[in-house]
Amino acid sequence: MHDKTFLGKGSVLKLVIKLSIPTIIAQLVNLLYNIVDRIYIGNIPKVGGFAYTGVGVCMPVILLVSAFAALVGYGGAPKSTIYLGQKEDQKAEIVVGNSFTLLLILGILLTIILLIFYEPLLYLFGASENTIGFASDYLLIYAIGTIFVMMALGMNAFISAQGFTKISMLSVLIGAILNCILDPIFIFVFSMGVQGAAFATIISQAISSFFVVWFLQSKKALVRLKWSNLVIKWDIILPTLALGLSPFVMQFTEAVITVCFNASLKKYGGDIAVGAMTTLASLMQFSMLPLMGLSQGAQPVTSYNYGAKNVDRVKKSFIILLIASVIYSTIFWLFLMLFPHGFANLFLSADEVELIDYTAWAIRIYFAISCLFGIQIACQQTFIAIGNAKISLFLAVLRKVILLIPLIFILPLFIEDKAMAVYLAEPLADGIAVSVTATMFLIYFNKTLKKLATETELEIAK
């Protein structure tokens, strides 16, 4: 068994690097589940364009499932690590067990809802008569594997939070590699089309979820999944869910935003504009998920040392996270601005010339100031790592609900090119949100550290 205090020892920089590299790789590999599906689907002969757009319409559902997994996993993981830093091992294990139960319940409920209401949901999410068949074929099969997706995403967060980032990366790699192998077999060899892509995804996620649960039950885990802790204890799990509200809102509103974008773009630009949005959503994941990987690598260090009241190590872990996040977001932004056609070509066959050109044009508008994402994510995720649920939740709501959703519908009223106005809502909302986030973080983070230092001094004086 690993030393439970290793997060409070040694170089903070080395710890963050050691923990972040596997989580970044895991997040990038996790993208393969949906990205590889879309690449193969976009290259299906004759119907690739409509099939690609149809599966893109399912994206809000995938985001919704991820949101509920994040509510439990991304709330429970830092909370269990904070308990570990406070030497409250029993409470840490209760959080893990209760989180497993909640994920199981939510997975069953979501499966039932999706299987009953799939068609009206897909039309709401932007499906047309040309794309509804492909969207339905994909979603009906994906819905059956919802529980596996929830478990793989939600419980894997607990492995990362305990410092086992290589194991959490391995769990994702297992599923992603299997998905890459099964996709072409089901889609092309068995001629199953989008249904084959969905089957490949849920089988891969099932294998990944079994691996995650097995590890958390093993003696290697610092905080283990025990069947005796499956009965929900609301006094412990409710504060955990409060902490998970911010990542939940981030993912949930991403789904709502996708619906809003698709509805407006369908109105002003038709299927081609919705198809371009499918690629933009994929690229947004490339922009954001590595940053989430970085923050997941820094989170165990920040949370543990916050629980242990080690101010200096909390401060250092944030500074490292901020610098690394800004560097990545700036480099990725630069590549998007320089090579938009190259990124569009990744997802579409060469004969989809009109859609490729349109997508390349939209990329430069939509990602105009995505270089600032590093600041937003570093600050917001550090609030979560130190257990500040309220501010993190407000910042998540600010960017997407208060700013972006209204701008999607307001800007076309004032700009002649309506489709461009819809895409322009993203950079405008991002600019305002980053400014507010950075300001609030400077104020509240310094207050938190001073309070922590005072508590430490009082304890020493006693």
Foldseek 3Di string as FASTA:
>chain_A
DDDLCVLVDDDLLVLLVLLLVLLLLLLVLLLLLPQVLLQVLQPDPPLNLLLSLLQLLCVLVVLLLLLQLLLLQVLLQLVLLLCSLLVNQVLSLLSLQQSLLSLQVVLVVQLVVCLVCVQVSSVLSQDDPSRSVSNVLQSNLLSVLSSLQSLLNNLLLNCSLSSNSNLSSVLSVQLSVQLNVQSCCQCPVVVNRSNSSNVSSSVSSNSSSVSSLVVLCDPVGPRHHDNVSNPDDCVSNVLSSLLSLLSSLLSNLVSVLSSLLSVQCCVQPNSLLSSLVSLVVSVVSVLPSSLVSSLSSLLSSLSSCLSNLPLVSNVVSLVSSLVVLLVSQQVSLVCLQVCLLVSLCSRHPPVPVVSSVVSSVLSCQLCVPSSLVSLLSSLLSSCSSNSNSPVSNVLSCQLRPVQQSVQLVPQLVPDVNNSSSNSNSNVVSVVVSSVVSNVVSVVVVVVSSVVSVVVVVVVVVD
